[in-house]
Amino acid sequence: MRQPFEFFGDIDLDLLFIAGRLKEAQRLEGVLDAAGIDYLIETDTYRGGFIFVSERVGAFFYCREQDTERARTAMRAGGFKPYTLKE
C-alpha cells in the first residue's frame, strides 16, 4: 500500500522505479498494492531523452530494503523493468 514519508521513519529506502507517465505510475501502484508491498512515491526531476535530452518530472517509487526483491519480482510479473543500480 502507498504510505506517507513518515510511515518509514529514518530507514533507508530502495529506489524501485521512475515512472515518466501518470498511467504508468497508476499501473505500478496497482501491481505493488496487489503484492501487499508498502511503498513511497515522491515526485522529482530526472534527465531523459536520447536526441533532445531534457529535465523531466517523474514519480519515484521506493520501498524498504527487506521488500525490494519481492517488489521487483511483482514488478517483472506485471511487465515492469525495475530500477537497478549499475556498478
N, C-alpha and C. Protein backbone atom coordinates (compact mmCIF):
# COMPACT_ATOMS: atom_id res chain seq x y z
N MET A 1 0.82 -1.17 0.00
CA MET A 1 0.00 0.00 0.00
C MET A 1 0.88 1.26 0.00
N ARG A 2 0.39 2.27 -0.68
CA ARG A 2 1.09 3.55 -0.68
C ARG A 2 1.07 4.14 0.73
N GLN A 3 2.24 4.58 1.18
CA GLN A 3 2.38 5.11 2.53
C GLN A 3 3.00 6.50 2.48
N PRO A 4 2.72 7.33 3.50
CA PRO A 4 3.37 8.65 3.57
C PRO A 4 4.83 8.49 4.02
N PHE A 5 5.59 9.53 3.81
CA PHE A 5 7.00 9.54 4.17
C PHE A 5 7.23 9.17 5.63
N GLU A 6 6.37 9.69 6.51
CA GLU A 6 6.52 9.47 7.95
C GLU A 6 6.40 8.00 8.33
N PHE A 7 5.68 7.22 7.56
CA PHE A 7 5.48 5.80 7.84
C PHE A 7 6.82 5.06 7.92
N PHE A 8 7.78 5.47 7.10
CA PHE A 8 9.06 4.76 7.01
C PHE A 8 10.09 5.27 8.01
N GLY A 9 9.84 6.39 8.64
CA GLY A 9 10.77 6.90 9.65
C GLY A 9 12.13 7.22 9.07
N ASP A 10 13.17 6.82 9.79
CA ASP A 10 14.55 7.14 9.40
C ASP A 10 15.24 6.05 8.60
N ILE A 11 14.52 5.02 8.18
CA ILE A 11 15.19 3.93 7.46
C ILE A 11 15.46 4.33 6.01
N ASP A 12 16.52 3.75 5.45
CA ASP A 12 16.84 3.97 4.05
C ASP A 12 15.90 3.16 3.17
N LEU A 13 15.49 3.76 2.07
CA LEU A 13 14.59 3.09 1.13
C LEU A 13 15.32 2.82 -0.18
N ASP A 14 14.92 1.76 -0.86
CA ASP A 14 15.48 1.41 -2.16
C ASP A 14 14.60 1.96 -3.27
N LEU A 15 15.24 2.51 -4.29
CA LEU A 15 14.52 3.01 -5.46
C LEU A 15 14.09 1.82 -6.31
N LEU A 16 12.80 1.74 -6.61
CA LEU A 16 12.27 0.65 -7.43
C LEU A 16 12.10 1.04 -8.89
N PHE A 17 11.61 2.27 -9.12
CA PHE A 17 11.21 2.62 -10.47
C PHE A 17 11.00 4.12 -10.57
N ILE A 18 11.21 4.67 -11.75
CA ILE A 18 10.88 6.07 -12.04
C ILE A 18 9.86 6.05 -13.17
N ALA A 19 8.63 6.45 -12.84
CA ALA A 19 7.56 6.49 -13.84
C ALA A 19 7.52 7.87 -14.47
N GLY A 20 7.57 7.90 -15.78
CA GLY A 20 7.53 9.17 -16.50
C GLY A 20 6.14 9.58 -16.91
N ARG A 21 5.20 8.67 -16.79
CA ARG A 21 3.81 8.96 -17.20
C ARG A 21 2.85 8.56 -16.08
N LEU A 22 1.76 9.30 -15.98
CA LEU A 22 0.77 9.06 -14.94
C LEU A 22 0.18 7.66 -15.04
N LYS A 23 -0.19 7.22 -16.25
CA LYS A 23 -0.78 5.88 -16.42
C LYS A 23 0.19 4.79 -15.98
N GLU A 24 1.44 4.98 -16.28
CA GLU A 24 2.47 4.02 -15.88
C GLU A 24 2.57 3.96 -14.36
N ALA A 25 2.55 5.12 -13.71
CA ALA A 25 2.62 5.19 -12.25
C ALA A 25 1.40 4.53 -11.62
N GLN A 26 0.22 4.79 -12.17
CA GLN A 26 -1.00 4.20 -11.63
C GLN A 26 -1.01 2.69 -11.79
N ARG A 27 -0.50 2.22 -12.92
CA ARG A 27 -0.45 0.77 -13.15
C ARG A 27 0.51 0.11 -12.16
N LEU A 28 1.66 0.75 -11.92
CA LEU A 28 2.62 0.20 -10.95
C LEU A 28 2.05 0.21 -9.54
N GLU A 29 1.30 1.24 -9.19
CA GLU A 29 0.64 1.26 -7.88
C GLU A 29 -0.25 0.03 -7.72
N GLY A 30 -0.99 -0.31 -8.77
CA GLY A 30 -1.85 -1.49 -8.73
C GLY A 30 -1.07 -2.77 -8.53
N VAL A 31 0.07 -2.89 -9.19
CA VAL A 31 0.91 -4.08 -9.06
C VAL A 31 1.45 -4.21 -7.63
N LEU A 32 1.95 -3.11 -7.09
CA LEU A 32 2.51 -3.15 -5.74
C LEU A 32 1.43 -3.35 -4.68
N ASP A 33 0.27 -2.74 -4.87
CA ASP A 33 -0.86 -2.95 -3.95
C ASP A 33 -1.28 -4.41 -3.94
N ALA A 34 -1.39 -5.01 -5.12
CA ALA A 34 -1.81 -6.40 -5.23
C ALA A 34 -0.81 -7.34 -4.55
N ALA A 35 0.47 -6.95 -4.55
CA ALA A 35 1.52 -7.76 -3.92
C ALA A 35 1.62 -7.50 -2.42
N GLY A 36 0.88 -6.52 -1.92
CA GLY A 36 0.90 -6.22 -0.48
C GLY A 36 2.18 -5.56 -0.01
N ILE A 37 2.78 -4.75 -0.86
CA ILE A 37 4.04 -4.10 -0.53
C ILE A 37 3.80 -2.64 -0.13
N ASP A 38 4.40 -2.22 0.98
CA ASP A 38 4.35 -0.82 1.39
C ASP A 38 5.38 -0.05 0.57
N TYR A 39 4.96 1.08 -0.01
CA TYR A 39 5.86 1.85 -0.86
C TYR A 39 5.60 3.34 -0.69
N LEU A 40 6.56 4.12 -1.12
CA LEU A 40 6.51 5.57 -1.07
C LEU A 40 6.65 6.09 -2.50
N ILE A 41 5.89 7.13 -2.82
CA ILE A 41 6.03 7.79 -4.11
C ILE A 41 6.40 9.25 -3.85
N GLU A 42 7.44 9.71 -4.53
CA GLU A 42 7.83 11.11 -4.48
C GLU A 42 8.05 11.61 -5.89
N THR A 43 7.69 12.84 -6.16
CA THR A 43 8.00 13.42 -7.46
C THR A 43 9.35 14.09 -7.38
N ASP A 44 10.08 13.98 -8.47
CA ASP A 44 11.41 14.59 -8.55
C ASP A 44 11.76 14.74 -10.03
N THR A 45 12.87 15.37 -10.31
CA THR A 45 13.29 15.54 -11.70
C THR A 45 14.34 14.49 -12.06
N TYR A 46 14.37 14.17 -13.34
CA TYR A 46 15.38 13.25 -13.88
C TYR A 46 15.70 13.71 -15.29
N ARG A 47 16.82 13.28 -15.81
CA ARG A 47 17.21 13.64 -17.18
C ARG A 47 16.78 12.51 -18.10
N GLY A 48 16.10 12.86 -19.18
CA GLY A 48 15.62 11.85 -20.12
C GLY A 48 15.73 12.32 -21.55
N GLY A 49 15.56 11.37 -22.46
CA GLY A 49 15.63 11.67 -23.88
C GLY A 49 16.93 11.16 -24.47
N PHE A 50 16.89 10.91 -25.76
CA PHE A 50 18.08 10.42 -26.45
C PHE A 50 18.71 11.53 -27.29
N ILE A 51 17.94 12.09 -28.18
CA ILE A 51 18.46 13.14 -29.05
C ILE A 51 18.36 14.49 -28.36
N PHE A 52 17.19 14.78 -27.83
CA PHE A 52 16.96 16.04 -27.11
C PHE A 52 16.84 15.74 -25.62
N VAL A 53 17.97 15.74 -24.95
CA VAL A 53 18.00 15.45 -23.52
C VAL A 53 17.40 16.64 -22.78
N SER A 54 16.50 16.34 -21.86
CA SER A 54 15.87 17.40 -21.08
C SER A 54 15.61 16.92 -19.66
N GLU A 55 15.32 17.88 -18.80
CA GLU A 55 14.98 17.56 -17.42
C GLU A 55 13.47 17.35 -17.36
N ARG A 56 13.03 16.26 -16.76
CA ARG A 56 11.62 15.90 -16.70
C ARG A 56 11.23 15.60 -15.26
N VAL A 57 9.92 15.61 -15.01
CA VAL A 57 9.41 15.28 -13.68
C VAL A 57 8.83 13.87 -13.74
N GLY A 58 9.16 13.05 -12.75
CA GLY A 58 8.67 11.68 -12.70
C GLY A 58 8.23 11.30 -11.30
N ALA A 59 7.57 10.16 -11.21
CA ALA A 59 7.15 9.60 -9.93
C ALA A 59 8.18 8.54 -9.54
N PHE A 60 8.87 8.77 -8.44
CA PHE A 60 9.91 7.87 -7.96
C PHE A 60 9.29 6.94 -6.92
N PHE A 61 9.38 5.64 -7.16
CA PHE A 61 8.81 4.63 -6.27
C PHE A 61 9.91 4.03 -5.40
N TYR A 62 9.68 4.00 -4.09
CA TYR A 62 10.64 3.46 -3.13
C TYR A 62 9.96 2.43 -2.24
N CYS A 63 10.76 1.50 -1.69
CA CYS A 63 10.25 0.56 -0.69
C CYS A 63 11.38 0.23 0.29
N ARG A 64 11.02 -0.46 1.37
CA ARG A 64 12.02 -0.88 2.36
C ARG A 64 12.94 -1.93 1.74
N GLU A 65 14.15 -1.96 2.22
CA GLU A 65 15.16 -2.89 1.69
C GLU A 65 14.69 -4.34 1.78
N GLN A 66 14.03 -4.72 2.88
CA GLN A 66 13.60 -6.11 3.03
C GLN A 66 12.48 -6.49 2.06
N ASP A 67 11.81 -5.50 1.43
CA ASP A 67 10.74 -5.77 0.47
C ASP A 67 11.18 -5.65 -0.98
N THR A 68 12.43 -5.24 -1.19
CA THR A 68 12.89 -4.92 -2.54
C THR A 68 12.78 -6.10 -3.51
N GLU A 69 13.29 -7.25 -3.14
CA GLU A 69 13.26 -8.39 -4.08
C GLU A 69 11.84 -8.84 -4.38
N ARG A 70 10.98 -8.84 -3.37
CA ARG A 70 9.58 -9.22 -3.57
C ARG A 70 8.89 -8.19 -4.49
N ALA A 71 9.21 -6.92 -4.30
CA ALA A 71 8.64 -5.87 -5.14
C ALA A 71 9.12 -6.00 -6.58
N ARG A 72 10.40 -6.26 -6.76
CA ARG A 72 10.95 -6.42 -8.12
C ARG A 72 10.36 -7.63 -8.83
N THR A 73 10.14 -8.70 -8.09
CA THR A 73 9.52 -9.89 -8.68
C THR A 73 8.10 -9.58 -9.14
N ALA A 74 7.34 -8.88 -8.29
CA ALA A 74 5.98 -8.49 -8.65
C ALA A 74 5.98 -7.54 -9.85
N MET A 75 6.94 -6.63 -9.88
CA MET A 75 7.03 -5.69 -11.00
C MET A 75 7.33 -6.41 -12.31
N ARG A 76 8.27 -7.34 -12.28
CA ARG A 76 8.59 -8.09 -13.51
C ARG A 76 7.36 -8.86 -14.00
N ALA A 77 6.63 -9.48 -13.06
CA ALA A 77 5.42 -10.21 -13.42
C ALA A 77 4.37 -9.28 -14.01
N GLY A 78 4.39 -8.01 -13.59
CA GLY A 78 3.44 -7.02 -14.09
C GLY A 78 3.92 -6.31 -15.35
N GLY A 79 5.08 -6.70 -15.87
CA GLY A 79 5.57 -6.12 -17.12
C GLY A 79 6.47 -4.90 -16.95
N PHE A 80 6.97 -4.66 -15.75
CA PHE A 80 7.86 -3.54 -15.49
C PHE A 80 9.30 -4.01 -15.40
N LYS A 81 10.22 -3.13 -15.74
CA LYS A 81 11.64 -3.40 -15.58
C LYS A 81 12.12 -2.58 -14.38
N PRO A 82 12.34 -3.21 -13.22
CA PRO A 82 12.73 -2.49 -12.02
C PRO A 82 14.07 -1.77 -12.19
N TYR A 83 14.20 -0.66 -11.49
CA TYR A 83 15.46 0.07 -11.46
C TYR A 83 16.50 -0.76 -10.71
N THR A 84 17.68 -0.85 -11.26
CA THR A 84 18.79 -1.49 -10.56
C THR A 84 20.02 -0.59 -10.73
N LEU A 85 20.81 -0.49 -9.68
CA LEU A 85 22.00 0.33 -9.70
C LEU A 85 23.06 -0.37 -10.55
N LYS A 86 23.56 0.33 -11.56
CA LYS A 86 24.60 -0.24 -12.41
C LYS A 86 25.94 0.04 -11.76
N GLU A 87 26.72 -1.00 -11.58
CA GLU A 87 28.03 -0.86 -10.92
C GLU A 87 29.15 -0.93 -11.93
